[in-house]
Amino acid sequence: QVQLVESGGGLVQAGGSLRLSCAASTLTLSSYTMGWFRQAPGKEREFVAAISWSGGRPYYADSVKGRFTVSRDNAKNTMYLEMNNLKPEDTAVYYCASRASYRAMSYSPLEYAYWGQGTQVTVSS
């Protein structure tokens, strides 16, 4: 069974930074397109960033471009989301997710097969 475990969330002031981690077990991260999504109270889950199994330029939501960076350490089987210049509107539960193996990039949460339990990020103004 695939397990994805997020960590690194917390409370931060506006303008601050956090780094989220997503540790994968029972799958080899380098064979999977991975994504970060977030869900604020009363809102739908939305795409944040994704990184392909095959390398290449990551995808970002317009709202986080230039502030967030997604990366992957295949040796540690871990994906990261570096979040800088955080804003109150970034407050949400952040989830990491994986597509089935060797699938292309996607913005849609419906196309991701495996999900972590989520980690809360709260940005105070």
C-alpha atoms as a PDB file:
ATOM      1  CA  GLN A   1       0.000   0.000   0.000  1.00  0.00           C
ATOM      2  CA  VAL A   2       1.331   3.421  -0.991  1.00  0.00           C
ATOM      3  CA  GLN A   3       1.990   5.773   1.882  1.00  0.00           C
ATOM      4  CA  LEU A   4       2.662   9.472   1.544  1.00  0.00           C
ATOM      5  CA  VAL A   5       3.399  11.381   4.734  1.00  0.00           C
ATOM      6  CA  GLU A   6       3.544  15.176   4.817  1.00  0.00           C
ATOM      7  CA  SER A   7       5.332  17.213   7.440  1.00  0.00           C
ATOM      8  CA  GLY A   8       6.575  20.748   7.986  1.00  0.00           C
ATOM      9  CA  GLY A   9       3.352  22.666   8.325  1.00  0.00           C
ATOM     10  CA  GLY A  10       2.759  25.212  11.056  1.00  0.00           C
ATOM     11  CA  LEU A  11       1.934  28.781  11.955  1.00  0.00           C
ATOM     12  CA  VAL A  12       3.946  31.569  10.351  1.00  0.00           C
ATOM     13  CA  GLN A  13       3.587  35.316   9.957  1.00  0.00           C
ATOM     14  CA  ALA A  14       2.921  36.874   6.584  1.00  0.00           C
ATOM     15  CA  GLY A  15       6.176  37.196   4.653  1.00  0.00           C
ATOM     16  CA  GLY A  16       7.655  34.174   6.359  1.00  0.00           C
ATOM     17  CA  SER A  17       8.735  30.802   4.963  1.00  0.00           C
ATOM     18  CA  LEU A  18       8.017  27.130   5.481  1.00  0.00           C
ATOM     19  CA  ARG A  19       9.281  23.952   3.850  1.00  0.00           C
ATOM     20  CA  LEU A  20       6.899  21.035   3.499  1.00  0.00           C
ATOM     21  CA  SER A  21       8.142  17.489   3.014  1.00  0.00           C
ATOM     22  CA  CYS A  22       6.377  14.477   1.543  1.00  0.00           C
ATOM     23  CA  ALA A  23       8.012  11.157   2.328  1.00  0.00           C
ATOM     24  CA  ALA A  24       6.994   8.206   0.197  1.00  0.00           C
ATOM     25  CA  SER A  25       7.061   4.555   1.147  1.00  0.00           C
ATOM     26  CA  THR A  26       6.365   1.523  -1.025  1.00  0.00           C
ATOM     27  CA  LEU A  27       6.817   3.548  -4.195  1.00  0.00           C
ATOM     28  CA  THR A  28       9.924   4.869  -5.893  1.00  0.00           C
ATOM     29  CA  LEU A  29       9.383   8.600  -6.226  1.00  0.00           C
ATOM     30  CA  SER A  30      11.424   8.888  -9.407  1.00  0.00           C
ATOM     31  CA  SER A  31       8.802   6.818 -11.287  1.00  0.00           C
ATOM     32  CA  TYR A  32       5.855   9.018 -10.327  1.00  0.00           C
ATOM     33  CA  THR A  33       4.578  12.459 -11.163  1.00  0.00           C
ATOM     34  CA  MET A  34       3.997  14.110  -7.794  1.00  0.00           C
ATOM     35  CA  GLY A  35       1.882  17.086  -6.864  1.00  0.00           C
ATOM     36  CA  TRP A  36       1.029  19.460  -4.052  1.00  0.00           C
ATOM     37  CA  PHE A  37      -2.553  20.564  -3.502  1.00  0.00           C
ATOM     38  CA  ARG A  38      -4.227  22.647  -0.829  1.00  0.00           C
ATOM     39  CA  GLN A  39      -7.690  23.043   0.579  1.00  0.00           C
ATOM     40  CA  ALA A  40      -8.926  25.981   2.599  1.00  0.00           C
ATOM     41  CA  PRO A  41     -12.111  25.773   4.718  1.00  0.00           C
ATOM     42  CA  GLY A  42     -15.199  25.922   2.553  1.00  0.00           C
ATOM     43  CA  LYS A  43     -13.209  25.751  -0.676  1.00  0.00           C
ATOM     44  CA  GLU A  44     -12.409  23.050  -3.182  1.00  0.00           C
ATOM     45  CA  ARG A  45      -9.028  21.366  -3.249  1.00  0.00           C
ATOM     46  CA  GLU A  46      -6.768  23.303  -5.602  1.00  0.00           C
ATOM     47  CA  PHE A  47      -3.557  22.619  -7.462  1.00  0.00           C
ATOM     48  CA  VAL A  48      -0.376  24.194  -6.116  1.00  0.00           C
ATOM     49  CA  ALA A  49       2.599  22.577  -7.884  1.00  0.00           C
ATOM     50  CA  ALA A  50       3.694  19.393  -9.620  1.00  0.00           C
ATOM     51  CA  ILE A  51       6.925  17.731 -10.646  1.00  0.00           C
ATOM     52  CA  SER A  52       7.191  15.087 -13.331  1.00  0.00           C
ATOM     53  CA  TRP A  53       8.738  11.646 -12.964  1.00  0.00           C
ATOM     54  CA  SER A  54      10.692  12.358 -16.159  1.00  0.00           C
ATOM     55  CA  GLY A  55      12.219  15.645 -15.048  1.00  0.00           C
ATOM     56  CA  GLY A  56      11.643  18.902 -16.820  1.00  0.00           C
ATOM     57  CA  ARG A  57      10.110  22.155 -15.720  1.00  0.00           C
ATOM     58  CA  PRO A  58       7.715  21.894 -12.763  1.00  0.00           C
ATOM     59  CA  TYR A  59       4.189  23.278 -12.978  1.00  0.00           C
ATOM     60  CA  TYR A  60       2.905  25.948 -10.585  1.00  0.00           C
ATOM     61  CA  ALA A  61      -0.408  27.607  -9.930  1.00  0.00           C
ATOM     62  CA  ASP A  62      -0.320  31.276 -10.896  1.00  0.00           C
ATOM     63  CA  SER A  63      -1.022  32.247  -7.293  1.00  0.00           C
ATOM     64  CA  VAL A  64       2.256  30.732  -6.058  1.00  0.00           C
ATOM     65  CA  LYS A  65       4.626  31.308  -8.998  1.00  0.00           C
ATOM     66  CA  GLY A  66       7.804  33.021  -7.906  1.00  0.00           C
ATOM     67  CA  ARG A  67       7.150  32.225  -4.233  1.00  0.00           C
ATOM     68  CA  PHE A  68       6.947  28.417  -4.056  1.00  0.00           C
ATOM     69  CA  THR A  69       9.440  25.863  -5.325  1.00  0.00           C
ATOM     70  CA  VAL A  70       8.792  22.144  -5.698  1.00  0.00           C
ATOM     71  CA  SER A  71      11.689  19.715  -5.713  1.00  0.00           C
ATOM     72  CA  ARG A  72      12.415  16.046  -5.250  1.00  0.00           C
ATOM     73  CA  ASP A  73      15.263  14.101  -3.644  1.00  0.00           C
ATOM     74  CA  ASN A  74      15.139  10.665  -5.213  1.00  0.00           C
ATOM     75  CA  ALA A  75      17.801   9.295  -2.885  1.00  0.00           C
ATOM     76  CA  LYS A  76      15.604  10.173   0.105  1.00  0.00           C
ATOM     77  CA  ASN A  77      12.386   9.323  -1.739  1.00  0.00           C
ATOM     78  CA  THR A  78      11.040  12.674  -0.601  1.00  0.00           C
ATOM     79  CA  MET A  79       9.388  15.637  -2.313  1.00  0.00           C
ATOM     80  CA  TYR A  80       9.561  19.175  -0.950  1.00  0.00           C
ATOM     81  CA  LEU A  81       7.625  22.398  -1.253  1.00  0.00           C
ATOM     82  CA  GLU A  82       9.617  25.475  -0.319  1.00  0.00           C
ATOM     83  CA  MET A  83       7.193  28.301   0.421  1.00  0.00           C
ATOM     84  CA  ASN A  84       8.485  31.868   0.681  1.00  0.00           C
ATOM     85  CA  ASN A  85       6.792  35.232   1.138  1.00  0.00           C
ATOM     86  CA  LEU A  86       3.742  33.503   2.540  1.00  0.00           C
ATOM     87  CA  LYS A  87       0.428  35.326   2.503  1.00  0.00           C
ATOM     88  CA  PRO A  88      -2.699  34.858   4.648  1.00  0.00           C
ATOM     89  CA  GLU A  89      -4.482  33.500   1.562  1.00  0.00           C
ATOM     90  CA  ASP A  90      -1.991  30.605   1.528  1.00  0.00           C
ATOM     91  CA  THR A  91      -3.619  29.293   4.705  1.00  0.00           C
ATOM     92  CA  ALA A  92      -4.907  25.775   4.013  1.00  0.00           C
ATOM     93  CA  VAL A  93      -4.318  22.097   4.561  1.00  0.00           C
ATOM     94  CA  TYR A  94      -1.590  21.057   2.142  1.00  0.00           C
ATOM     95  CA  TYR A  95      -1.605  17.591   0.610  1.00  0.00           C
ATOM     96  CA  CYS A  96       0.960  15.740  -1.416  1.00  0.00           C
ATOM     97  CA  ALA A  97      -0.259  13.323  -4.034  1.00  0.00           C
ATOM     98  CA  SER A  98       1.028  10.899  -6.624  1.00  0.00           C
ATOM     99  CA  ARG A  99      -0.261   9.877 -10.004  1.00  0.00           C
ATOM    100  CA  ALA A 100      -0.014   6.269 -11.089  1.00  0.00           C
ATOM    101  CA  SER A 101       3.463   5.414 -12.345  1.00  0.00           C
ATOM    102  CA  TYR A 102       4.889   7.088 -15.456  1.00  0.00           C
ATOM    103  CA  ARG A 103       1.939   9.420 -15.993  1.00  0.00           C
ATOM    104  CA  ALA A 104       2.237  12.970 -17.330  1.00  0.00           C
ATOM    105  CA  MET A 105       1.804  16.153 -15.356  1.00  0.00           C
ATOM    106  CA  SER A 106      -1.710  17.149 -14.378  1.00  0.00           C
ATOM    107  CA  TYR A 107      -3.410  20.031 -12.602  1.00  0.00           C
ATOM    108  CA  SER A 108      -6.487  17.981 -11.698  1.00  0.00           C
ATOM    109  CA  PRO A 109      -6.706  16.310  -8.289  1.00  0.00           C
ATOM    110  CA  LEU A 110      -8.957  13.698  -9.882  1.00  0.00           C
ATOM    111  CA  GLU A 111      -5.972  12.314 -11.783  1.00  0.00           C
ATOM    112  CA  TYR A 112      -3.883  11.652  -8.680  1.00  0.00           C
ATOM    113  CA  ALA A 113      -4.200   8.178  -7.249  1.00  0.00           C
ATOM    114  CA  TYR A 114      -2.476   8.402  -3.882  1.00  0.00           C
ATOM    115  CA  TRP A 115      -2.740  11.070  -1.197  1.00  0.00           C
ATOM    116  CA  GLY A 116      -1.133  11.963   2.089  1.00  0.00           C
ATOM    117  CA  GLN A 117      -3.077  12.913   5.188  1.00  0.00           C
ATOM    118  CA  GLY A 118      -2.339  16.626   4.872  1.00  0.00           C
ATOM    119  CA  THR A 119      -0.479  19.196   6.942  1.00  0.00           C
ATOM    120  CA  GLN A 120      -1.916  22.502   8.142  1.00  0.00           C
ATOM    121  CA  VAL A 121      -0.303  25.759   7.081  1.00  0.00           C
ATOM    122  CA  THR A 122      -1.576  28.900   8.781  1.00  0.00           C
ATOM    123  CA  VAL A 123      -0.307  32.347   7.799  1.00  0.00           C
ATOM    124  CA  SER A 124      -1.180  35.186  10.133  1.00  0.00           C
ATOM    125  CA  SER A 125      -1.429  38.785   8.966  1.00  0.00           C
END
